[in-house]
Amino acid sequence: MTDHVRIAGEAAAVRALRDDRVEEAAAMMARAFFDYPMWTWILPDETHRREALLVSARASVLWGRILGHTFVIGEPLSGLAIWAPPGMADADVDPDGSRTHWDDVVRAIGPDGMRKFEAMIEVQRPLREKHIPAGGWYLPWLGVEPAAQRTGSGTALLRDMFARLDAEGVATYLETEKAANVPYYLKHGYALAHEGELPDGGPAFWSMRREPTS
């Protein structure tokens, strides 16, 4: 899967994330999601958010590496997509948390933040079970370095996987807690599956599903 695009005047190719780029990818993702509504709700204090988000992003990237479908673009890294293959959207691939260092995430986020995080999971997990079709893929993370946004990094990462899934006739599903992302994903073939709000004063969120195209 390779889609060449123009990023900052240079051709860039989508490629699998290597183990030696995990820390770089986590730092980029922490910057990409720093002002994301879900995280400003979970971690309202900016200093706490900056520190905890890096720990959480590292765990997410490690989780993506376990799943085996984590892709990046740019040099230095400008974007990252983590895809969960069929049946793995909520699979417990790290039962004791040792491979993703989940205990570090819990400590970094703290009790109040974890309460909100778990409340979000309780709302969104049933929707994933309802709207992800049999054999469908889940896109839990698509992040782009703030300075590289609107340069084609995210589009290249999406198209890279779409080329494979369209050929196989497979649908995809995602959630976003950012209103500005909805038209972006609509442009890329997703349709709205559900709109709701997270509890405890949380932000709105949108569940979206993309059917394969010929």
C-alpha atoms as a PDB file:
ATOM      1  CA  MET A   1       0.000   0.000   0.000  1.00  0.00           C
ATOM      2  CA  THR A   2       1.749   3.137  -1.166  1.00  0.00           C
ATOM      3  CA  ASP A   3       0.246   6.492  -2.092  1.00  0.00           C
ATOM      4  CA  HIS A   4       2.666   9.249  -3.108  1.00  0.00           C
ATOM      5  CA  VAL A   5       1.587  12.794  -2.326  1.00  0.00           C
ATOM      6  CA  ARG A   6       3.236  16.182  -2.174  1.00  0.00           C
ATOM      7  CA  ILE A   7       4.058  17.165   1.396  1.00  0.00           C
ATOM      8  CA  ALA A   8       6.023  20.370   1.937  1.00  0.00           C
ATOM      9  CA  GLY A   9       7.294  20.074  -1.609  1.00  0.00           C
ATOM     10  CA  GLU A  10       8.585  16.521  -1.277  1.00  0.00           C
ATOM     11  CA  ALA A  11       7.098  13.194  -2.330  1.00  0.00           C
ATOM     12  CA  ALA A  12       6.204  11.058   0.688  1.00  0.00           C
ATOM     13  CA  ALA A  13       5.194   7.423   0.962  1.00  0.00           C
ATOM     14  CA  VAL A  14       3.041   5.663   3.515  1.00  0.00           C
ATOM     15  CA  ARG A  15       4.956   2.963   5.336  1.00  0.00           C
ATOM     16  CA  ALA A  16       4.660   0.747   8.398  1.00  0.00           C
ATOM     17  CA  LEU A  17       5.860   2.244  11.676  1.00  0.00           C
ATOM     18  CA  ARG A  18       9.136   0.746  12.867  1.00  0.00           C
ATOM     19  CA  ASP A  19       9.844  -0.071  16.499  1.00  0.00           C
ATOM     20  CA  ASP A  20      12.643   2.496  16.649  1.00  0.00           C
ATOM     21  CA  ARG A  21      10.197   5.305  15.714  1.00  0.00           C
ATOM     22  CA  VAL A  22       7.639   4.646  18.472  1.00  0.00           C
ATOM     23  CA  GLU A  23       8.800   7.520  20.696  1.00  0.00           C
ATOM     24  CA  GLU A  24       8.849   9.955  17.778  1.00  0.00           C
ATOM     25  CA  ALA A  25       5.373   8.823  16.715  1.00  0.00           C
ATOM     26  CA  ALA A  26       4.015   9.179  20.253  1.00  0.00           C
ATOM     27  CA  ALA A  27       5.365  12.716  20.592  1.00  0.00           C
ATOM     28  CA  MET A  28       3.844  13.681  17.247  1.00  0.00           C
ATOM     29  CA  MET A  29       0.462  12.210  18.222  1.00  0.00           C
ATOM     30  CA  ALA A  30       0.518  14.033  21.567  1.00  0.00           C
ATOM     31  CA  ARG A  31       0.997  17.315  19.722  1.00  0.00           C
ATOM     32  CA  ALA A  32      -1.670  16.434  17.155  1.00  0.00           C
ATOM     33  CA  PHE A  33      -4.327  15.768  19.804  1.00  0.00           C
ATOM     34  CA  PHE A  34      -3.380  18.396  22.387  1.00  0.00           C
ATOM     35  CA  ASP A  35      -6.421  20.604  21.643  1.00  0.00           C
ATOM     36  CA  TYR A  36      -8.745  17.748  20.683  1.00  0.00           C
ATOM     37  CA  PRO A  37     -12.142  18.075  22.453  1.00  0.00           C
ATOM     38  CA  MET A  38     -12.020  14.610  23.985  1.00  0.00           C
ATOM     39  CA  TRP A  39      -8.668  15.306  25.627  1.00  0.00           C
ATOM     40  CA  THR A  40      -9.488  18.829  26.780  1.00  0.00           C
ATOM     41  CA  TRP A  41     -12.508  17.288  28.526  1.00  0.00           C
ATOM     42  CA  ILE A  42     -10.588  14.399  30.092  1.00  0.00           C
ATOM     43  CA  LEU A  43      -7.561  16.542  31.005  1.00  0.00           C
ATOM     44  CA  PRO A  44      -8.660  20.192  31.312  1.00  0.00           C
ATOM     45  CA  ASP A  45      -5.401  21.408  32.858  1.00  0.00           C
ATOM     46  CA  GLU A  46      -2.946  22.095  30.031  1.00  0.00           C
ATOM     47  CA  THR A  47       0.192  21.119  31.939  1.00  0.00           C
ATOM     48  CA  HIS A  48      -1.356  17.865  33.099  1.00  0.00           C
ATOM     49  CA  ARG A  49      -2.669  17.203  29.587  1.00  0.00           C
ATOM     50  CA  ARG A  50       0.703  17.765  27.952  1.00  0.00           C
ATOM     51  CA  GLU A  51       2.381  15.275  30.270  1.00  0.00           C
ATOM     52  CA  ALA A  52      -0.366  12.652  30.373  1.00  0.00           C
ATOM     53  CA  LEU A  53      -1.177  12.790  26.687  1.00  0.00           C
ATOM     54  CA  LEU A  54       2.364  11.781  25.781  1.00  0.00           C
ATOM     55  CA  VAL A  55       2.091   8.715  28.029  1.00  0.00           C
ATOM     56  CA  SER A  56      -1.313   7.824  26.576  1.00  0.00           C
ATOM     57  CA  ALA A  57      -0.148   8.383  22.996  1.00  0.00           C
ATOM     58  CA  ARG A  58       2.812   6.072  23.562  1.00  0.00           C
ATOM     59  CA  ALA A  59       0.475   3.358  24.833  1.00  0.00           C
ATOM     60  CA  SER A  60      -1.799   3.801  21.811  1.00  0.00           C
ATOM     61  CA  VAL A  61       1.114   3.535  19.394  1.00  0.00           C
ATOM     62  CA  LEU A  62       2.365   0.407  21.161  1.00  0.00           C
ATOM     63  CA  TRP A  63      -1.176  -1.031  20.981  1.00  0.00           C
ATOM     64  CA  GLY A  64      -1.181  -0.283  17.266  1.00  0.00           C
ATOM     65  CA  ARG A  65       2.143  -2.053  16.869  1.00  0.00           C
ATOM     66  CA  ILE A  66       0.679  -5.138  18.540  1.00  0.00           C
ATOM     67  CA  LEU A  67      -2.235  -5.071  16.100  1.00  0.00           C
ATOM     68  CA  GLY A  68       0.262  -4.795  13.261  1.00  0.00           C
ATOM     69  CA  HIS A  69      -1.428  -2.112  11.181  1.00  0.00           C
ATOM     70  CA  THR A  70       0.159   1.203  12.169  1.00  0.00           C
ATOM     71  CA  PHE A  71       1.276   3.410   9.307  1.00  0.00           C
ATOM     72  CA  VAL A  72       3.160   6.685   9.101  1.00  0.00           C
ATOM     73  CA  ILE A  73       4.078   9.297   6.547  1.00  0.00           C
ATOM     74  CA  GLY A  74       6.662  12.046   6.314  1.00  0.00           C
ATOM     75  CA  GLU A  75      10.279  12.479   7.346  1.00  0.00           C
ATOM     76  CA  PRO A  76      10.311  13.527  10.119  1.00  0.00           C
ATOM     77  CA  LEU A  77       6.984  11.869  10.821  1.00  0.00           C
ATOM     78  CA  SER A  78       4.046  14.094   9.883  1.00  0.00           C
ATOM     79  CA  GLY A  79       1.118  11.683  10.267  1.00  0.00           C
ATOM     80  CA  LEU A  80       0.109   8.347  11.730  1.00  0.00           C
ATOM     81  CA  ALA A  81      -2.875   6.010  11.328  1.00  0.00           C
ATOM     82  CA  ILE A  82      -3.667   3.043  13.552  1.00  0.00           C
ATOM     83  CA  TRP A  83      -6.099   0.490  12.134  1.00  0.00           C
ATOM     84  CA  ALA A  84      -7.749  -2.356  14.033  1.00  0.00           C
ATOM     85  CA  PRO A  85      -8.452  -5.398  11.846  1.00  0.00           C
ATOM     86  CA  PRO A  86     -11.772  -7.260  11.946  1.00  0.00           C
ATOM     87  CA  GLY A  87     -12.792  -8.381  15.412  1.00  0.00           C
ATOM     88  CA  MET A  88     -10.032  -6.387  17.126  1.00  0.00           C
ATOM     89  CA  ALA A  89     -11.711  -3.019  17.795  1.00  0.00           C
ATOM     90  CA  ASP A  90     -12.050  -3.755  21.506  1.00  0.00           C
ATOM     91  CA  ALA A  91      -9.946  -6.896  21.793  1.00  0.00           C
ATOM     92  CA  ASP A  92      -7.768  -7.191  24.889  1.00  0.00           C
ATOM     93  CA  VAL A  93      -4.438  -7.742  23.148  1.00  0.00           C
ATOM     94  CA  ASP A  94      -2.411  -6.785  26.248  1.00  0.00           C
ATOM     95  CA  PRO A  95      -4.181  -8.481  29.179  1.00  0.00           C
ATOM     96  CA  ASP A  96      -1.696  -7.480  31.886  1.00  0.00           C
ATOM     97  CA  GLY A  97      -0.860  -4.094  30.367  1.00  0.00           C
ATOM     98  CA  SER A  98       2.856  -4.846  30.256  1.00  0.00           C
ATOM     99  CA  ARG A  99       3.323  -4.341  26.508  1.00  0.00           C
ATOM    100  CA  THR A 100       1.537  -0.982  26.375  1.00  0.00           C
ATOM    101  CA  HIS A 101       2.559   0.133  29.895  1.00  0.00           C
ATOM    102  CA  TRP A 102      -1.096   0.729  30.724  1.00  0.00           C
ATOM    103  CA  ASP A 103      -0.401   1.253  34.431  1.00  0.00           C
ATOM    104  CA  ASP A 104       1.641   4.311  33.465  1.00  0.00           C
ATOM    105  CA  VAL A 105      -1.370   5.670  31.560  1.00  0.00           C
ATOM    106  CA  VAL A 106      -3.682   5.202  34.524  1.00  0.00           C
ATOM    107  CA  ARG A 107      -1.257   6.997  36.836  1.00  0.00           C
ATOM    108  CA  ALA A 108      -0.615   9.812  34.361  1.00  0.00           C
ATOM    109  CA  ILE A 109      -4.277  10.517  33.614  1.00  0.00           C
ATOM    110  CA  GLY A 110      -5.390  10.240  37.230  1.00  0.00           C
ATOM    111  CA  PRO A 111      -8.677   9.135  38.823  1.00  0.00           C
ATOM    112  CA  ASP A 112     -10.938  11.881  37.468  1.00  0.00           C
ATOM    113  CA  GLY A 113      -9.578  11.608  33.949  1.00  0.00           C
ATOM    114  CA  MET A 114      -9.844   7.812  33.985  1.00  0.00           C
ATOM    115  CA  ARG A 115     -13.437   8.042  35.173  1.00  0.00           C
ATOM    116  CA  LYS A 116     -14.256  10.163  32.121  1.00  0.00           C
ATOM    117  CA  PHE A 117     -12.229   7.920  29.825  1.00  0.00           C
ATOM    118  CA  GLU A 118     -14.082   4.826  31.013  1.00  0.00           C
ATOM    119  CA  ALA A 119     -17.433   6.622  30.673  1.00  0.00           C
ATOM    120  CA  MET A 120     -16.561   7.382  27.056  1.00  0.00           C
ATOM    121  CA  ILE A 121     -15.737   3.730  26.396  1.00  0.00           C
ATOM    122  CA  GLU A 122     -19.043   2.645  27.893  1.00  0.00           C
ATOM    123  CA  VAL A 123     -20.928   4.928  25.502  1.00  0.00           C
ATOM    124  CA  GLN A 124     -18.955   4.217  22.362  1.00  0.00           C
ATOM    125  CA  ARG A 125     -18.222   0.505  22.596  1.00  0.00           C
ATOM    126  CA  PRO A 126     -21.858  -0.607  22.009  1.00  0.00           C
ATOM    127  CA  LEU A 127     -21.972   1.627  18.937  1.00  0.00           C
ATOM    128  CA  ARG A 128     -18.870  -0.036  17.555  1.00  0.00           C
ATOM    129  CA  GLU A 129     -20.462  -3.425  18.121  1.00  0.00           C
ATOM    130  CA  LYS A 130     -23.575  -2.217  16.315  1.00  0.00           C
ATOM    131  CA  HIS A 131     -22.066  -0.378  13.357  1.00  0.00           C
ATOM    132  CA  ILE A 132     -18.835  -2.189  12.513  1.00  0.00           C
ATOM    133  CA  PRO A 133     -19.901  -4.823  10.000  1.00  0.00           C
ATOM    134  CA  ALA A 134     -18.623  -8.366  10.003  1.00  0.00           C
ATOM    135  CA  GLY A 135     -15.167  -8.232   8.502  1.00  0.00           C
ATOM    136  CA  GLY A 136     -15.004  -4.445   8.924  1.00  0.00           C
ATOM    137  CA  TRP A 137     -11.968  -2.447  10.014  1.00  0.00           C
ATOM    138  CA  TYR A 138     -11.860   0.225  12.729  1.00  0.00           C
ATOM    139  CA  LEU A 139      -9.849   3.458  12.597  1.00  0.00           C
ATOM    140  CA  PRO A 140      -9.265   4.524  16.223  1.00  0.00           C
ATOM    141  CA  TRP A 141      -6.431   6.975  15.487  1.00  0.00           C
ATOM    142  CA  LEU A 142      -5.558   9.287  12.623  1.00  0.00           C
ATOM    143  CA  GLY A 143      -3.248  12.112  13.677  1.00  0.00           C
ATOM    144  CA  VAL A 144      -1.222  14.727  11.815  1.00  0.00           C
ATOM    145  CA  GLU A 145       1.499  17.015  13.127  1.00  0.00           C
ATOM    146  CA  PRO A 146      -0.157  20.436  13.619  1.00  0.00           C
ATOM    147  CA  ALA A 147       2.325  22.186  11.314  1.00  0.00           C
ATOM    148  CA  ALA A 148       1.678  19.569   8.591  1.00  0.00           C
ATOM    149  CA  GLN A 149      -2.116  19.660   8.672  1.00  0.00           C
ATOM    150  CA  ARG A 150      -3.848  20.383   5.363  1.00  0.00           C
ATOM    151  CA  THR A 151      -0.779  19.246   3.411  1.00  0.00           C
ATOM    152  CA  GLY A 152      -2.133  15.831   2.396  1.00  0.00           C
ATOM    153  CA  SER A 153      -0.672  13.604   5.124  1.00  0.00           C
ATOM    154  CA  GLY A 154      -4.015  12.447   6.519  1.00  0.00           C
ATOM    155  CA  THR A 155      -5.497  11.951   3.069  1.00  0.00           C
ATOM    156  CA  ALA A 156      -2.538   9.826   1.979  1.00  0.00           C
ATOM    157  CA  LEU A 157      -2.846   7.636   5.079  1.00  0.00           C
ATOM    158  CA  LEU A 158      -6.564   7.108   4.440  1.00  0.00           C
ATOM    159  CA  ARG A 159      -6.221   6.416   0.737  1.00  0.00           C
ATOM    160  CA  ASP A 160      -3.449   3.940   1.393  1.00  0.00           C
ATOM    161  CA  MET A 161      -5.767   1.686   3.395  1.00  0.00           C
ATOM    162  CA  PHE A 162      -8.833   2.424   1.258  1.00  0.00           C
ATOM    163  CA  ALA A 163      -7.041   1.045  -1.798  1.00  0.00           C
ATOM    164  CA  ARG A 164      -6.687  -2.281  -0.035  1.00  0.00           C
ATOM    165  CA  LEU A 165     -10.102  -2.395   1.615  1.00  0.00           C
ATOM    166  CA  ASP A 166     -12.000  -1.285  -1.500  1.00  0.00           C
ATOM    167  CA  ALA A 167     -10.321  -4.057  -3.464  1.00  0.00           C
ATOM    168  CA  GLU A 168     -11.457  -6.535  -0.802  1.00  0.00           C
ATOM    169  CA  GLY A 169     -14.973  -5.050  -0.507  1.00  0.00           C
ATOM    170  CA  VAL A 170     -14.535  -4.178   3.190  1.00  0.00           C
ATOM    171  CA  ALA A 171     -16.175  -1.345   5.178  1.00  0.00           C
ATOM    172  CA  THR A 172     -14.510   0.840   7.826  1.00  0.00           C
ATOM    173  CA  TYR A 173     -15.731   2.660  10.945  1.00  0.00           C
ATOM    174  CA  LEU A 174     -14.488   5.494  13.154  1.00  0.00           C
ATOM    175  CA  GLU A 175     -15.506   7.965  15.843  1.00  0.00           C
ATOM    176  CA  THR A 176     -14.533  11.606  16.115  1.00  0.00           C
ATOM    177  CA  GLU A 177     -15.143  14.139  18.860  1.00  0.00           C
ATOM    178  CA  LYS A 178     -14.253  17.106  16.668  1.00  0.00           C
ATOM    179  CA  ALA A 179     -16.991  18.718  14.567  1.00  0.00           C
ATOM    180  CA  ALA A 180     -14.527  19.983  11.955  1.00  0.00           C
ATOM    181  CA  ASN A 181     -13.510  16.393  11.224  1.00  0.00           C
ATOM    182  CA  VAL A 182     -17.003  15.389  10.103  1.00  0.00           C
ATOM    183  CA  PRO A 183     -16.945  17.108   6.676  1.00  0.00           C
ATOM    184  CA  TYR A 184     -13.384  15.871   6.200  1.00  0.00           C
ATOM    185  CA  TYR A 185     -14.438  12.271   6.629  1.00  0.00           C
ATOM    186  CA  LEU A 186     -17.595  12.798   4.583  1.00  0.00           C
ATOM    187  CA  LYS A 187     -15.350  13.951   1.752  1.00  0.00           C
ATOM    188  CA  HIS A 188     -13.480  10.666   2.036  1.00  0.00           C
ATOM    189  CA  GLY A 189     -16.572   8.526   1.681  1.00  0.00           C
ATOM    190  CA  TYR A 190     -17.718   8.081   5.265  1.00  0.00           C
ATOM    191  CA  ALA A 191     -21.373   8.518   6.196  1.00  0.00           C
ATOM    192  CA  LEU A 192     -22.814   9.463   9.572  1.00  0.00           C
ATOM    193  CA  ALA A 193     -23.899   6.421  11.582  1.00  0.00           C
ATOM    194  CA  HIS A 194     -24.620   8.044  14.957  1.00  0.00           C
ATOM    195  CA  GLU A 195     -24.395  11.419  16.678  1.00  0.00           C
ATOM    196  CA  GLY A 196     -24.325  11.777  20.439  1.00  0.00           C
ATOM    197  CA  GLU A 197     -22.699  13.403  23.460  1.00  0.00           C
ATOM    198  CA  LEU A 198     -20.310  11.987  25.996  1.00  0.00           C
ATOM    199  CA  PRO A 199     -21.572  12.029  29.613  1.00  0.00           C
ATOM    200  CA  ASP A 200     -20.488  14.279  32.464  1.00  0.00           C
ATOM    201  CA  GLY A 201     -20.267  17.412  30.350  1.00  0.00           C
ATOM    202  CA  GLY A 202     -18.272  15.693  27.628  1.00  0.00           C
ATOM    203  CA  PRO A 203     -18.119  16.802  24.001  1.00  0.00           C
ATOM    204  CA  ALA A 204     -20.326  15.733  21.126  1.00  0.00           C
ATOM    205  CA  PHE A 205     -19.127  12.822  19.051  1.00  0.00           C
ATOM    206  CA  TRP A 206     -19.920  11.354  15.662  1.00  0.00           C
ATOM    207  CA  SER A 207     -19.722   7.715  14.590  1.00  0.00           C
ATOM    208  CA  MET A 208     -19.056   7.249  10.887  1.00  0.00           C
ATOM    209  CA  ARG A 209     -18.927   4.304   8.523  1.00  0.00           C
ATOM    210  CA  ARG A 210     -17.466   4.004   5.044  1.00  0.00           C
ATOM    211  CA  GLU A 211     -18.679   1.410   2.591  1.00  0.00           C
ATOM    212  CA  PRO A 212     -16.209   0.082   0.035  1.00  0.00           C
ATOM    213  CA  THR A 213     -16.217   1.639  -3.411  1.00  0.00           C
ATOM    214  CA  SER A 214     -15.516  -0.060  -6.689  1.00  0.00           C
END
